[in-house]
Amino acid sequence: MEKTIYVIGHKSPDTDTICSAIAYAEYLKTKGFEAIPARFGDLNPETKYILDYFGFENPINLDSLKEKQVILVDHNEKIQSPEGIEEAKIIEVIDHHKIGFSVNEPINFETKPFGSTATIIAQKIFNDQNFKITKPLAGILISAILSDTVVFKSNTTTATDIEMADKLNKIAEIEDLQRFGIKMKKKKSSLAGLTPEQIIYSDFKIFETNDKKFGIGQIETVDLSEAEKIEIDLLNKINEIAEKEGLNFIILMLTDIINEGSKLLMSSNANCLEKTFDKEIIDNSVYLEKMMSRKKDLVPLILKSLENK
């Protein structure tokens, strides 16, 4: 087993996963640990922009966690973990999602119902008077909070998220958090040059309940029209991926952060969701107002529907 501790988030890494891994690894280094931030998969344009803006290198890309010591951030369900997780030594988990985790020995496990994992880490390191948060580190933690709370518009946003962002910004000194957050989101929302497969997998998670296994991808955009122009191609690719991955169904959330709602594109095998949304599904799609969060709005709705069948 390697001595190095790899701090890593879920597959198809997003900004919260990457920035939380970097920040927590930096904190652990000051405590004498040999900690390295890592990832499993490519960075999305939003995350690339943030790391470039605040001067951080990309975390190393691991092919497998086999025989490595790891700290999991921003997820705890092993189905969302990188390859080799079953043969890794998990020593800690920091997350803000529902708990779907078990391990055979006691470990540090911290989960809080905040809008982002970065909020938990910010709170943790602010409580350590021996650790000084640098301006760049404060910047990536704020960015992760803004990203996961959809610039404080998601109903996952808590008072603690806003409090931590304000506290961090006394160090980062970003002139206008709302404007900066929208600028970040525009980097991620552009679909130019991306294939349908890249779009679907850019922020994609797999879930399991009872005998069902399904995937949900999410794109955040300031204008749905760009995605709607290639809707047929996206639906075709969703069906192809569902069959290839052996999933009962796939949903792609096209989330409009300006008008605060999501259009759901569903694979043709998603007939089990017919009554889930209390709204007619036409041509494998439906628009739902105020649906912004996969974690809090969509996943619980689907799990409840499937468990009642």
Protein backbone atom coordinates (compact mmCIF):
# COMPACT_ATOMS: atom_id res chain seq x y z
CA MET A 1 0.00 0.00 0.00
CA GLU A 2 1.40 3.39 -0.99
CA LYS A 3 2.26 5.92 1.72
CA THR A 4 0.84 8.77 -0.38
CA ILE A 5 -2.75 9.84 0.28
CA TYR A 6 -4.74 10.68 -2.84
CA VAL A 7 -7.65 13.09 -2.34
CA ILE A 8 -10.14 12.36 -5.10
CA GLY A 9 -13.76 12.94 -6.06
CA HIS A 10 -16.25 11.16 -8.28
CA LYS A 11 -16.00 10.09 -11.92
CA SER A 12 -16.72 12.83 -14.49
CA PRO A 13 -15.27 15.41 -12.08
CA ASP A 14 -16.96 18.75 -11.61
CA THR A 15 -15.69 21.97 -10.04
CA ASP A 16 -16.67 21.05 -6.47
CA THR A 17 -14.93 17.68 -6.76
CA ILE A 18 -11.69 19.15 -8.15
CA CYS A 19 -11.44 22.27 -6.01
CA SER A 20 -12.33 20.38 -2.83
CA ALA A 21 -9.62 17.81 -3.57
CA ILE A 22 -7.01 20.52 -4.16
CA ALA A 23 -7.96 22.53 -1.05
CA TYR A 24 -8.08 19.54 1.28
CA ALA A 25 -4.76 18.15 -0.01
CA GLU A 26 -3.16 21.56 0.59
CA TYR A 27 -4.52 21.54 4.14
CA LEU A 28 -3.28 18.00 4.83
CA LYS A 29 0.22 18.85 3.64
CA THR A 30 0.53 21.44 6.42
CA LYS A 31 -0.29 18.65 8.89
CA GLY A 32 2.63 16.57 7.67
CA PHE A 33 0.77 14.21 5.34
CA GLU A 34 1.98 13.31 1.87
CA ALA A 35 -1.28 14.29 0.16
CA ILE A 36 -1.91 14.71 -3.56
CA PRO A 37 -5.11 15.94 -5.24
CA ALA A 38 -6.24 13.57 -7.99
CA ARG A 39 -9.01 13.10 -10.53
CA PHE A 40 -10.56 10.37 -12.66
CA GLY A 41 -11.52 11.89 -16.00
CA ASP A 42 -11.17 15.14 -17.90
CA LEU A 43 -11.89 18.58 -16.49
CA ASN A 44 -14.87 20.51 -17.81
CA PRO A 45 -14.35 24.02 -19.27
CA GLU A 46 -15.65 25.74 -16.11
CA THR A 47 -13.13 23.93 -13.89
CA LYS A 48 -10.28 24.57 -16.33
CA TYR A 49 -11.13 28.27 -16.30
CA ILE A 50 -11.14 28.41 -12.50
CA LEU A 51 -7.82 26.60 -12.08
CA ASP A 52 -6.19 28.84 -14.71
CA TYR A 53 -7.73 31.97 -13.15
CA PHE A 54 -6.38 31.22 -9.67
CA GLY A 55 -3.11 29.63 -10.81
CA PHE A 56 -3.52 25.96 -9.92
CA GLU A 57 -2.26 22.95 -11.86
CA ASN A 58 -4.64 20.17 -12.89
CA PRO A 59 -4.74 17.33 -10.36
CA ILE A 60 -3.09 14.14 -11.59
CA ASN A 61 -5.33 11.78 -13.53
CA LEU A 62 -5.39 8.28 -12.00
CA ASP A 63 -6.37 5.21 -13.99
CA SER A 64 -7.05 3.16 -10.85
CA LEU A 65 -7.16 3.51 -7.07
CA LYS A 66 -6.04 -0.09 -6.55
CA GLU A 67 -3.73 -0.46 -3.52
CA LYS A 68 -3.76 3.29 -2.86
CA GLN A 69 -4.70 5.24 0.27
CA VAL A 70 -7.55 7.58 -0.62
CA ILE A 71 -9.74 10.28 0.82
CA LEU A 72 -13.05 10.57 -1.01
CA VAL A 73 -14.54 14.03 -1.46
CA ASP A 74 -17.89 15.05 -2.96
CA HIS A 75 -19.24 11.48 -3.10
CA ASN A 76 -19.50 8.37 -0.98
CA GLU A 77 -21.39 5.85 -3.13
CA LYS A 78 -18.79 3.48 -4.55
CA ILE A 79 -20.65 3.18 -7.85
CA GLN A 80 -19.60 6.81 -8.47
CA SER A 81 -15.99 6.24 -7.40
CA PRO A 82 -13.04 5.81 -9.76
CA GLU A 83 -11.94 2.34 -10.83
CA GLY A 84 -10.16 0.19 -8.26
CA ILE A 85 -12.01 1.61 -5.25
CA GLU A 86 -12.79 -1.88 -3.92
CA GLU A 87 -9.06 -2.56 -3.57
CA ALA A 88 -8.14 0.86 -2.14
CA LYS A 89 -7.78 1.83 1.51
CA ILE A 90 -10.36 4.55 2.20
CA ILE A 91 -9.23 6.56 5.21
CA GLU A 92 -11.70 9.45 5.13
CA VAL A 93 -14.84 10.73 3.40
CA ILE A 94 -16.05 14.35 3.14
CA ASP A 95 -19.33 14.76 1.29
CA HIS A 96 -22.68 16.55 1.05
CA HIS A 97 -24.79 13.85 -0.65
CA LYS A 98 -27.04 11.12 0.70
CA ILE A 99 -25.17 8.31 2.43
CA GLY A 100 -24.73 5.08 0.50
CA PHE A 101 -21.46 3.95 2.05
CA SER A 102 -20.12 1.10 4.10
CA VAL A 103 -16.63 -0.05 5.06
CA ASN A 104 -15.31 -2.78 7.32
CA GLU A 105 -13.35 -0.55 9.70
CA PRO A 106 -13.85 2.79 11.48
CA ILE A 107 -12.85 5.85 9.43
CA ASN A 108 -13.37 9.60 9.54
CA PHE A 109 -16.68 10.24 7.77
CA GLU A 110 -18.05 13.78 7.56
CA THR A 111 -21.23 14.65 5.73
CA LYS A 112 -23.30 17.82 6.02
CA PRO A 113 -26.39 18.97 4.10
CA PHE A 114 -24.67 21.96 2.53
CA GLY A 115 -24.76 23.08 -1.09
CA SER A 116 -21.19 21.98 -1.75
CA THR A 117 -18.37 19.90 -0.31
CA ALA A 118 -16.18 23.00 -0.51
CA THR A 119 -18.36 24.61 2.15
CA ILE A 120 -17.59 21.75 4.54
CA ILE A 121 -13.87 22.01 3.83
CA ALA A 122 -13.87 25.81 4.16
CA GLN A 123 -15.62 25.55 7.52
CA LYS A 124 -13.16 22.87 8.61
CA ILE A 125 -10.02 24.83 7.77
CA PHE A 126 -11.38 28.15 9.06
CA ASN A 127 -11.71 26.43 12.44
CA ASP A 128 -7.98 25.65 12.41
CA GLN A 129 -6.20 28.78 13.58
CA ASN A 130 -2.85 27.30 12.55
CA PHE A 131 -3.80 27.19 8.87
CA LYS A 132 -3.71 30.30 6.70
CA ILE A 133 -6.01 30.32 3.68
CA THR A 134 -4.24 31.94 0.75
CA LYS A 135 -5.99 34.19 -1.75
CA PRO A 136 -5.88 31.57 -4.56
CA LEU A 137 -7.15 28.83 -2.23
CA ALA A 138 -10.03 31.04 -1.09
CA GLY A 139 -10.78 31.70 -4.77
CA ILE A 140 -11.16 28.05 -5.77
CA LEU A 141 -13.25 27.27 -2.68
CA ILE A 142 -15.63 30.15 -3.51
CA SER A 143 -15.77 28.96 -7.11
CA ALA A 144 -16.77 25.46 -6.00
CA ILE A 145 -19.52 26.86 -3.79
CA LEU A 146 -20.82 29.09 -6.59
CA SER A 147 -20.72 26.18 -9.04
CA ASP A 148 -22.56 23.61 -6.93
CA THR A 149 -25.19 26.05 -5.66
CA VAL A 150 -25.68 27.41 -9.22
CA VAL A 151 -24.66 30.87 -8.02
CA PHE A 152 -26.90 30.48 -4.93
CA LYS A 153 -30.00 29.77 -7.08
CA SER A 154 -30.26 26.04 -6.34
CA ASN A 155 -32.52 25.02 -3.48
CA THR A 156 -29.54 23.08 -2.11
CA THR A 157 -28.08 26.45 -1.06
CA THR A 158 -27.88 26.95 2.70
CA ALA A 159 -27.12 29.96 4.88
CA THR A 160 -23.75 28.33 5.64
CA ASP A 161 -22.83 28.24 1.93
CA ILE A 162 -23.47 31.96 1.64
CA GLU A 163 -21.70 32.68 4.93
CA MET A 164 -18.60 30.69 3.90
CA ALA A 165 -18.51 32.33 0.45
CA ASP A 166 -18.66 35.80 2.04
CA LYS A 167 -15.99 34.87 4.57
CA LEU A 168 -13.72 33.45 1.88
CA ASN A 169 -14.23 36.51 -0.28
CA LYS A 170 -12.72 38.72 2.41
CA ILE A 171 -9.53 36.89 1.40
CA ALA A 172 -10.14 36.30 -2.34
CA GLU A 173 -11.48 39.83 -2.96
CA ILE A 174 -13.65 38.96 -5.97
CA GLU A 175 -15.42 42.21 -6.84
CA ASP A 176 -18.86 40.76 -7.68
CA LEU A 177 -19.60 37.13 -6.76
CA GLN A 178 -22.82 36.96 -8.79
CA ARG A 179 -21.14 38.27 -11.92
CA PHE A 180 -18.12 36.00 -11.44
CA GLY A 181 -20.42 33.00 -10.91
CA ILE A 182 -22.36 33.66 -14.12
CA LYS A 183 -19.09 34.10 -16.02
CA MET A 184 -17.96 30.69 -14.71
CA LYS A 185 -21.22 29.07 -15.73
CA LYS A 186 -20.95 30.49 -19.25
CA LYS A 187 -17.63 28.67 -19.62
CA LYS A 188 -19.32 25.38 -18.77
CA SER A 189 -22.54 26.02 -20.65
CA SER A 190 -21.01 26.45 -24.09
CA LEU A 191 -21.52 23.28 -26.13
CA ALA A 192 -19.45 24.48 -29.06
CA GLY A 193 -17.14 21.77 -30.38
CA LEU A 194 -18.51 19.06 -28.06
CA THR A 195 -19.95 15.78 -29.31
CA PRO A 196 -23.27 14.53 -27.86
CA GLU A 197 -21.31 11.90 -25.91
CA GLN A 198 -18.99 14.51 -24.40
CA ILE A 199 -21.99 16.62 -23.41
CA ILE A 200 -23.78 13.73 -21.69
CA TYR A 201 -20.67 12.49 -19.86
CA SER A 202 -19.45 15.97 -18.86
CA ASP A 203 -21.30 15.70 -15.53
CA PHE A 204 -22.73 12.20 -15.32
CA LYS A 205 -23.54 10.02 -12.31
CA ILE A 206 -24.93 6.50 -11.95
CA PHE A 207 -27.40 5.56 -9.20
CA GLU A 208 -28.86 2.29 -7.94
CA THR A 209 -32.02 1.44 -6.02
CA ASN A 210 -33.62 -1.96 -5.59
CA ASP A 211 -33.20 -3.66 -8.97
CA LYS A 212 -32.84 -0.43 -10.97
CA LYS A 213 -29.62 1.18 -12.18
CA PHE A 214 -29.85 4.53 -13.94
CA GLY A 215 -27.72 7.48 -15.03
CA ILE A 216 -28.31 11.22 -14.82
CA GLY A 217 -26.23 13.80 -16.64
CA GLN A 218 -26.57 17.55 -16.18
CA ILE A 219 -25.67 20.57 -18.27
CA GLU A 220 -26.08 24.08 -16.89
CA THR A 221 -26.72 26.73 -19.50
CA VAL A 222 -27.73 30.37 -19.80
CA ASP A 223 -29.66 29.57 -23.00
CA LEU A 224 -31.45 26.28 -23.74
CA SER A 225 -31.62 26.93 -27.49
CA GLU A 226 -28.05 25.73 -28.10
CA ALA A 227 -28.85 22.28 -26.66
CA GLU A 228 -32.30 22.16 -28.26
CA LYS A 229 -30.71 22.49 -31.72
CA ILE A 230 -29.03 19.11 -31.23
CA GLU A 231 -31.80 17.50 -29.13
CA ILE A 232 -32.38 14.59 -31.54
CA ASP A 233 -28.65 13.77 -31.56
CA LEU A 234 -28.58 13.93 -27.76
CA LEU A 235 -31.58 11.60 -27.45
CA ASN A 236 -30.03 9.12 -29.88
CA LYS A 237 -26.78 9.10 -27.92
CA ILE A 238 -28.64 8.77 -24.59
CA ASN A 239 -30.31 5.60 -25.91
CA GLU A 240 -26.99 4.26 -27.17
CA ILE A 241 -25.23 4.88 -23.83
CA ALA A 242 -28.11 3.36 -21.83
CA GLU A 243 -27.78 0.15 -23.82
CA LYS A 244 -23.97 0.12 -23.69
CA GLU A 245 -23.85 0.74 -19.91
CA GLY A 246 -26.69 -1.69 -19.18
CA LEU A 247 -28.78 1.03 -17.51
CA ASN A 248 -32.53 0.90 -17.00
CA PHE A 249 -32.72 4.49 -18.23
CA ILE A 250 -30.77 7.75 -18.61
CA ILE A 251 -31.91 11.33 -18.04
CA LEU A 252 -30.03 14.39 -19.26
CA MET A 253 -30.91 17.57 -17.34
CA LEU A 254 -30.62 20.73 -19.42
CA THR A 255 -30.70 23.31 -16.63
CA ASP A 256 -31.42 26.95 -17.46
CA ILE A 257 -29.73 28.93 -14.68
CA ILE A 258 -31.28 32.22 -15.80
CA ASN A 259 -34.93 31.12 -16.00
CA GLU A 260 -34.49 28.55 -13.21
CA GLY A 261 -35.83 25.32 -14.63
CA SER A 262 -34.70 22.15 -16.40
CA LYS A 263 -35.65 20.33 -19.56
CA LEU A 264 -35.25 16.58 -19.09
CA LEU A 265 -34.27 14.40 -22.04
CA MET A 266 -34.95 10.72 -21.37
CA SER A 267 -33.93 7.47 -23.00
CA SER A 268 -36.76 5.56 -24.65
CA ASN A 269 -36.63 2.87 -21.92
CA ALA A 270 -37.64 5.41 -19.23
CA ASN A 271 -41.33 4.36 -19.35
CA CYS A 272 -41.16 3.56 -15.61
CA LEU A 273 -41.07 7.34 -15.02
CA GLU A 274 -44.35 8.03 -16.79
CA LYS A 275 -46.12 9.29 -13.64
CA THR A 276 -43.07 10.56 -11.76
CA PHE A 277 -43.24 14.21 -12.80
CA ASP A 278 -47.00 14.76 -12.77
CA LYS A 279 -46.59 16.23 -16.24
CA GLU A 280 -46.93 14.74 -19.71
CA ILE A 281 -43.70 13.46 -21.27
CA ILE A 282 -43.71 14.35 -24.98
CA ASP A 283 -41.12 12.94 -27.40
CA ASN A 284 -39.02 11.71 -24.45
CA SER A 285 -38.71 15.17 -22.91
CA VAL A 286 -40.39 17.34 -20.29
CA TYR A 287 -39.71 20.83 -18.89
CA LEU A 288 -39.97 21.33 -15.12
CA GLU A 289 -39.92 24.81 -13.61
CA LYS A 290 -37.74 25.44 -10.53
CA MET A 291 -35.89 22.14 -11.00
CA MET A 292 -32.23 23.11 -10.58
CA SER A 293 -30.55 20.39 -8.56
CA ARG A 294 -29.93 16.78 -9.56
CA LYS A 295 -29.12 15.92 -5.95
CA LYS A 296 -32.08 17.55 -4.21
CA ASP A 297 -34.77 17.98 -6.89
CA LEU A 298 -34.48 15.10 -9.34
CA VAL A 299 -32.81 12.10 -7.68
CA PRO A 300 -35.14 11.97 -4.60
CA LEU A 301 -38.16 12.25 -6.89
CA ILE A 302 -36.99 9.31 -9.00
CA LEU A 303 -35.98 7.17 -6.02
CA LYS A 304 -39.38 7.69 -4.40
CA SER A 305 -41.14 6.82 -7.64
CA LEU A 306 -39.12 3.65 -8.18
CA GLU A 307 -39.41 2.48 -4.58
CA ASN A 308 -43.21 2.83 -4.72
CA LYS A 309 -43.52 0.60 -7.77
